[in-house]
């Protein structure tokens, strides 16, 4: 016998909930732009996200870029987006806050793309 369980958002869970269709759509529709922007910011962004508790230590090590080879930076930027897709709504918004607090133009551009209703750039 197979049981199917439907899940429904409940206020008591707060923001510890998987990404909604909105956030997933933003990540999907803007992936090319995000990868280009992330590739040039992989030297310190993973550390910022780790200390903001958006990603864990293993994920930080996976996405830190030590080589200048474009293919490596591209795959690590893609890995960071894949990690973000599997995180919670809380982590998604914490990443946006982290990007804005860095007060760097390229990181603010990433935050603008990620934030719903903030002039998304669709690929």
N, C-alpha and C. Protein backbone atom coordinates (compact mmCIF):
# COMPACT_ATOMS: atom_id res chain seq x y z
N UNK A 1 0.84 -1.17 0.00
CA UNK A 1 0.00 0.00 0.00
C UNK A 1 0.89 1.24 0.00
N UNK A 2 0.58 2.19 -0.84
CA UNK A 2 1.36 3.41 -0.99
C UNK A 2 0.57 4.58 -0.43
N UNK A 3 1.23 5.35 0.43
CA UNK A 3 0.60 6.53 1.00
C UNK A 3 1.24 7.77 0.41
N UNK A 4 0.42 8.68 0.04
CA UNK A 4 0.91 9.94 -0.50
C UNK A 4 0.62 11.04 0.52
N UNK A 5 1.59 11.89 0.73
CA UNK A 5 1.41 12.96 1.69
C UNK A 5 1.49 14.30 0.98
N UNK A 6 0.51 15.10 1.18
CA UNK A 6 0.53 16.45 0.64
C UNK A 6 1.07 17.38 1.70
N UNK A 7 1.93 18.26 1.29
CA UNK A 7 2.44 19.24 2.24
C UNK A 7 1.89 20.60 1.88
N UNK A 8 1.60 21.34 2.88
CA UNK A 8 1.07 22.68 2.69
C UNK A 8 1.82 23.61 3.61
N UNK A 9 2.14 24.78 3.10
CA UNK A 9 2.87 25.74 3.91
C UNK A 9 2.10 26.06 5.18
N UNK A 10 2.82 26.10 6.26
CA UNK A 10 2.23 26.40 7.56
C UNK A 10 3.04 27.51 8.21
N UNK A 11 2.39 28.52 8.73
CA UNK A 11 3.05 29.66 9.33
C UNK A 11 4.05 29.26 10.41
N UNK A 12 3.77 28.21 11.15
CA UNK A 12 4.65 27.84 12.25
C UNK A 12 6.06 27.47 11.78
N UNK A 13 6.23 27.13 10.49
CA UNK A 13 7.55 26.80 9.96
C UNK A 13 8.33 28.05 9.58
N UNK A 14 7.66 29.17 9.52
CA UNK A 14 8.34 30.41 9.18
C UNK A 14 9.02 30.32 7.83
N UNK A 15 10.27 30.72 7.79
CA UNK A 15 11.01 30.74 6.52
C UNK A 15 11.86 29.49 6.31
N UNK A 16 11.77 28.52 7.21
CA UNK A 16 12.48 27.26 7.03
C UNK A 16 11.64 26.35 6.15
N UNK A 17 11.48 26.75 4.92
CA UNK A 17 10.61 26.09 3.97
C UNK A 17 11.32 26.10 2.62
N UNK A 18 11.13 25.11 1.78
CA UNK A 18 11.79 25.11 0.46
C UNK A 18 11.42 26.35 -0.35
N UNK A 19 12.25 26.64 -1.31
CA UNK A 19 11.98 27.78 -2.18
C UNK A 19 10.64 27.61 -2.87
N UNK A 20 9.98 28.73 -3.11
CA UNK A 20 8.71 28.70 -3.82
C UNK A 20 8.97 28.71 -5.33
N UNK A 21 7.93 28.60 -6.09
CA UNK A 21 8.06 28.65 -7.55
C UNK A 21 8.66 29.99 -8.00
N UNK A 22 8.37 31.04 -7.25
CA UNK A 22 8.90 32.37 -7.60
C UNK A 22 10.42 32.39 -7.56
N UNK A 23 11.00 31.95 -6.43
CA UNK A 23 12.46 31.97 -6.31
C UNK A 23 13.12 31.00 -7.29
N UNK A 24 12.53 29.83 -7.45
CA UNK A 24 13.09 28.85 -8.39
C UNK A 24 13.04 29.39 -9.81
N UNK A 25 11.96 30.06 -10.16
CA UNK A 25 11.82 30.66 -11.48
C UNK A 25 12.87 31.75 -11.70
N UNK A 26 13.11 32.56 -10.68
CA UNK A 26 14.14 33.61 -10.79
C UNK A 26 15.50 32.98 -11.04
N UNK A 27 15.84 31.95 -10.28
CA UNK A 27 17.12 31.28 -10.46
C UNK A 27 17.24 30.65 -11.85
N UNK A 28 16.17 30.04 -12.31
CA UNK A 28 16.17 29.37 -13.62
C UNK A 28 16.24 30.38 -14.76
N UNK A 29 15.36 31.38 -14.72
CA UNK A 29 15.26 32.34 -15.82
C UNK A 29 16.47 33.26 -15.94
N UNK A 30 17.21 33.42 -14.87
CA UNK A 30 18.35 34.33 -14.86
C UNK A 30 19.69 33.62 -14.68
N UNK A 31 19.70 32.31 -14.88
CA UNK A 31 20.91 31.54 -14.57
C UNK A 31 22.13 32.02 -15.36
N UNK A 32 21.98 32.35 -16.63
CA UNK A 32 23.14 32.80 -17.42
C UNK A 32 23.72 34.10 -16.87
N UNK A 33 22.87 35.06 -16.58
CA UNK A 33 23.34 36.34 -16.02
C UNK A 33 23.96 36.13 -14.65
N UNK A 34 23.33 35.29 -13.83
CA UNK A 34 23.86 35.03 -12.49
C UNK A 34 25.22 34.35 -12.55
N UNK A 35 25.39 33.40 -13.45
CA UNK A 35 26.67 32.71 -13.56
C UNK A 35 27.77 33.68 -13.97
N UNK A 36 27.48 34.55 -14.93
CA UNK A 36 28.48 35.54 -15.36
C UNK A 36 28.89 36.42 -14.18
N UNK A 37 27.92 36.90 -13.42
CA UNK A 37 28.22 37.76 -12.27
C UNK A 37 28.91 37.00 -11.14
N UNK A 38 28.47 35.77 -10.90
CA UNK A 38 29.07 34.97 -9.82
C UNK A 38 30.51 34.59 -10.13
N UNK A 39 30.79 34.30 -11.41
CA UNK A 39 32.14 33.88 -11.79
C UNK A 39 33.19 34.91 -11.38
N UNK A 40 32.85 36.17 -11.48
CA UNK A 40 33.83 37.21 -11.16
C UNK A 40 33.87 37.53 -9.67
N UNK A 41 33.02 36.87 -8.87
CA UNK A 41 32.97 37.15 -7.44
C UNK A 41 33.16 35.92 -6.58
N UNK A 42 33.73 34.86 -7.15
CA UNK A 42 33.90 33.62 -6.41
C UNK A 42 35.05 33.64 -5.41
N UNK A 43 35.86 34.68 -5.42
CA UNK A 43 36.99 34.71 -4.50
C UNK A 43 36.56 34.97 -3.06
N UNK A 44 35.52 35.77 -2.83
CA UNK A 44 35.13 36.02 -1.44
C UNK A 44 33.66 35.76 -1.13
N UNK A 45 32.83 35.58 -2.14
CA UNK A 45 31.40 35.36 -1.90
C UNK A 45 31.11 34.08 -1.11
N UNK A 46 31.73 32.94 -1.43
CA UNK A 46 31.44 31.73 -0.63
C UNK A 46 31.74 31.91 0.86
N UNK A 47 32.81 32.61 1.17
CA UNK A 47 33.14 32.88 2.58
C UNK A 47 32.08 33.72 3.25
N UNK A 48 31.62 34.74 2.56
CA UNK A 48 30.54 35.59 3.09
C UNK A 48 29.27 34.76 3.36
N UNK A 49 28.94 33.90 2.40
CA UNK A 49 27.73 33.08 2.55
C UNK A 49 27.89 32.07 3.68
N UNK A 50 29.09 31.55 3.86
CA UNK A 50 29.33 30.62 4.95
C UNK A 50 29.15 31.31 6.30
N UNK A 51 29.75 32.47 6.47
CA UNK A 51 29.65 33.18 7.74
C UNK A 51 28.25 33.73 8.00
N UNK A 52 27.45 33.86 6.95
CA UNK A 52 26.04 34.25 7.11
C UNK A 52 25.14 33.05 7.27
N UNK A 53 25.75 31.85 7.29
CA UNK A 53 25.04 30.58 7.46
C UNK A 53 24.06 30.24 6.34
N UNK A 54 24.39 30.71 5.14
CA UNK A 54 23.59 30.35 3.97
C UNK A 54 24.06 29.01 3.43
N UNK A 55 25.37 28.78 3.45
CA UNK A 55 25.93 27.51 3.02
C UNK A 55 26.79 26.94 4.14
N UNK A 56 27.06 25.65 4.06
CA UNK A 56 27.90 25.02 5.09
C UNK A 56 29.36 24.98 4.63
N UNK A 57 30.23 24.48 5.49
CA UNK A 57 31.67 24.49 5.22
C UNK A 57 32.02 23.68 3.97
N UNK A 58 31.41 22.52 3.82
CA UNK A 58 31.67 21.68 2.64
C UNK A 58 31.27 22.40 1.36
N UNK A 59 30.10 23.06 1.39
CA UNK A 59 29.64 23.79 0.22
C UNK A 59 30.54 24.99 -0.08
N UNK A 60 31.04 25.64 0.98
CA UNK A 60 31.95 26.76 0.78
C UNK A 60 33.22 26.28 0.07
N UNK A 61 33.79 25.16 0.54
CA UNK A 61 35.01 24.64 -0.08
C UNK A 61 34.77 24.25 -1.54
N UNK A 62 33.59 23.72 -1.82
CA UNK A 62 33.24 23.32 -3.18
C UNK A 62 33.21 24.52 -4.12
N UNK A 63 32.77 25.66 -3.63
CA UNK A 63 32.57 26.81 -4.50
C UNK A 63 33.70 27.84 -4.48
N UNK A 64 34.66 27.68 -3.57
CA UNK A 64 35.80 28.61 -3.58
C UNK A 64 36.61 28.41 -4.85
N UNK A 65 36.97 29.49 -5.47
CA UNK A 65 37.70 29.40 -6.73
C UNK A 65 39.14 29.83 -6.53
N UNK A 66 40.06 28.91 -6.72
CA UNK A 66 41.48 29.22 -6.54
C UNK A 66 42.20 29.35 -7.89
N UNK A 67 41.63 28.82 -8.94
CA UNK A 67 42.26 28.89 -10.25
C UNK A 67 41.52 29.89 -11.12
N UNK A 68 42.22 30.43 -12.10
CA UNK A 68 41.62 31.44 -12.97
C UNK A 68 41.00 30.85 -14.23
N UNK A 69 41.01 29.55 -14.34
CA UNK A 69 40.45 28.94 -15.54
C UNK A 69 38.96 29.18 -15.62
N UNK A 70 38.51 29.66 -16.75
CA UNK A 70 37.11 30.04 -16.92
C UNK A 70 36.15 28.87 -16.71
N UNK A 71 36.51 27.69 -17.21
CA UNK A 71 35.62 26.52 -17.05
C UNK A 71 35.44 26.16 -15.59
N UNK A 72 36.49 26.29 -14.80
CA UNK A 72 36.40 25.97 -13.37
C UNK A 72 35.51 26.99 -12.68
N UNK A 73 35.72 28.28 -12.98
CA UNK A 73 34.88 29.33 -12.37
C UNK A 73 33.42 29.14 -12.77
N UNK A 74 33.18 28.78 -14.04
CA UNK A 74 31.81 28.57 -14.51
C UNK A 74 31.14 27.43 -13.75
N UNK A 75 31.84 26.30 -13.60
CA UNK A 75 31.24 25.15 -12.92
C UNK A 75 31.02 25.43 -11.44
N UNK A 76 31.91 26.22 -10.82
CA UNK A 76 31.74 26.55 -9.41
C UNK A 76 30.59 27.54 -9.22
N UNK A 77 30.42 28.46 -10.14
CA UNK A 77 29.28 29.39 -10.09
C UNK A 77 27.98 28.61 -10.25
N UNK A 78 27.98 27.64 -11.17
CA UNK A 78 26.80 26.79 -11.37
C UNK A 78 26.52 25.98 -10.11
N UNK A 79 27.57 25.48 -9.46
CA UNK A 79 27.40 24.71 -8.22
C UNK A 79 26.78 25.57 -7.13
N UNK A 80 27.19 26.83 -7.05
CA UNK A 80 26.62 27.73 -6.05
C UNK A 80 25.13 27.95 -6.30
N UNK A 81 24.73 28.12 -7.55
CA UNK A 81 23.31 28.26 -7.88
C UNK A 81 22.55 26.98 -7.54
N UNK A 82 23.15 25.83 -7.83
CA UNK A 82 22.49 24.56 -7.51
C UNK A 82 22.30 24.40 -6.00
N UNK A 83 23.28 24.82 -5.24
CA UNK A 83 23.16 24.76 -3.78
C UNK A 83 22.03 25.66 -3.32
N UNK A 84 21.98 26.87 -3.86
CA UNK A 84 20.95 27.83 -3.46
C UNK A 84 19.55 27.31 -3.79
N UNK A 85 19.42 26.60 -4.90
CA UNK A 85 18.11 26.03 -5.28
C UNK A 85 17.59 25.05 -4.23
N UNK A 86 18.50 24.42 -3.50
CA UNK A 86 18.09 23.40 -2.52
C UNK A 86 18.00 23.95 -1.10
N UNK A 87 18.25 25.22 -0.91
CA UNK A 87 18.21 25.82 0.42
C UNK A 87 16.79 26.32 0.73
N UNK A 88 16.63 26.87 1.92
CA UNK A 88 15.31 27.35 2.35
C UNK A 88 15.07 28.78 1.91
N UNK A 89 13.83 29.23 2.08
CA UNK A 89 13.49 30.62 1.80
C UNK A 89 14.34 31.54 2.68
N UNK A 90 14.53 31.16 3.92
CA UNK A 90 15.36 31.96 4.83
C UNK A 90 16.77 32.14 4.26
N UNK A 91 17.36 31.06 3.77
CA UNK A 91 18.71 31.14 3.22
C UNK A 91 18.75 31.99 1.95
N UNK A 92 17.72 31.88 1.13
CA UNK A 92 17.63 32.68 -0.10
C UNK A 92 17.66 34.16 0.24
N UNK A 93 16.83 34.57 1.21
CA UNK A 93 16.78 35.98 1.59
C UNK A 93 18.02 36.40 2.36
N UNK A 94 18.64 35.48 3.09
CA UNK A 94 19.89 35.79 3.78
C UNK A 94 20.99 36.05 2.75
N UNK A 95 20.97 35.31 1.66
CA UNK A 95 21.96 35.55 0.60
C UNK A 95 21.77 36.95 0.02
N UNK A 96 20.54 37.35 -0.22
CA UNK A 96 20.27 38.68 -0.75
C UNK A 96 20.78 39.74 0.22
N UNK A 97 20.51 39.56 1.52
CA UNK A 97 21.01 40.52 2.53
C UNK A 97 22.53 40.57 2.53
N UNK A 98 23.14 39.41 2.46
CA UNK A 98 24.60 39.30 2.46
C UNK A 98 25.19 40.03 1.24
N UNK A 99 24.60 39.85 0.09
CA UNK A 99 25.06 40.51 -1.12
C UNK A 99 24.95 42.03 -1.00
N UNK A 100 23.85 42.49 -0.43
CA UNK A 100 23.65 43.94 -0.27
C UNK A 100 24.60 44.52 0.78
N UNK A 101 24.86 43.79 1.84
CA UNK A 101 25.75 44.29 2.90
C UNK A 101 27.18 44.42 2.41
N UNK A 102 27.57 43.64 1.40
CA UNK A 102 28.93 43.73 0.86
C UNK A 102 29.17 45.09 0.22
N UNK A 103 28.09 45.74 -0.21
CA UNK A 103 28.16 47.08 -0.76
C UNK A 103 29.12 47.17 -1.95
N UNK A 104 29.07 46.15 -2.80
CA UNK A 104 29.87 46.13 -4.02
C UNK A 104 28.90 46.05 -5.19
N UNK A 105 29.17 46.83 -6.21
CA UNK A 105 28.22 46.96 -7.32
C UNK A 105 27.84 45.62 -7.95
N UNK A 106 28.82 44.76 -8.23
CA UNK A 106 28.50 43.48 -8.87
C UNK A 106 27.66 42.59 -7.96
N UNK A 107 27.93 42.61 -6.65
CA UNK A 107 27.15 41.80 -5.72
C UNK A 107 25.74 42.36 -5.57
N UNK A 108 25.61 43.68 -5.61
CA UNK A 108 24.29 44.30 -5.57
C UNK A 108 23.50 43.95 -6.83
N UNK A 109 24.19 43.85 -7.97
CA UNK A 109 23.52 43.43 -9.21
C UNK A 109 22.94 42.03 -9.07
N UNK A 110 23.69 41.13 -8.42
CA UNK A 110 23.20 39.77 -8.19
C UNK A 110 21.96 39.82 -7.30
N UNK A 111 22.03 40.61 -6.23
CA UNK A 111 20.89 40.74 -5.31
C UNK A 111 19.67 41.29 -6.04
N UNK A 112 19.87 42.26 -6.93
CA UNK A 112 18.76 42.83 -7.69
C UNK A 112 18.08 41.77 -8.56
N UNK A 113 18.87 40.88 -9.14
CA UNK A 113 18.30 39.81 -9.96
C UNK A 113 17.52 38.83 -9.09
N UNK A 114 18.08 38.48 -7.93
CA UNK A 114 17.45 37.48 -7.07
C UNK A 114 16.18 37.98 -6.39
N UNK A 115 16.13 39.25 -6.11
CA UNK A 115 14.99 39.78 -5.35
C UNK A 115 13.77 39.93 -6.26
N UNK A 116 12.66 39.28 -5.89
CA UNK A 116 11.44 39.39 -6.72
C UNK A 116 11.02 40.86 -6.85
N UNK A 117 10.53 41.21 -8.04
CA UNK A 117 10.04 42.56 -8.34
C UNK A 117 11.12 43.63 -8.29
N UNK A 118 12.37 43.26 -8.54
CA UNK A 118 13.47 44.23 -8.51
C UNK A 118 14.12 44.33 -9.88
N UNK A 119 13.36 44.46 -10.92
CA UNK A 119 13.94 44.64 -12.25
C UNK A 119 14.76 43.45 -12.70
N UNK A 120 14.14 42.28 -12.74
CA UNK A 120 14.84 41.07 -13.16
C UNK A 120 15.33 41.19 -14.59
N UNK A 121 16.47 40.56 -14.85
CA UNK A 121 17.03 40.50 -16.19
C UNK A 121 16.84 39.08 -16.69
N UNK A 122 15.85 38.83 -17.47
CA UNK A 122 15.63 37.46 -17.97
C UNK A 122 16.60 37.17 -19.10
N UNK A 123 17.20 35.96 -19.05
CA UNK A 123 18.16 35.55 -20.09
C UNK A 123 17.46 35.32 -21.40
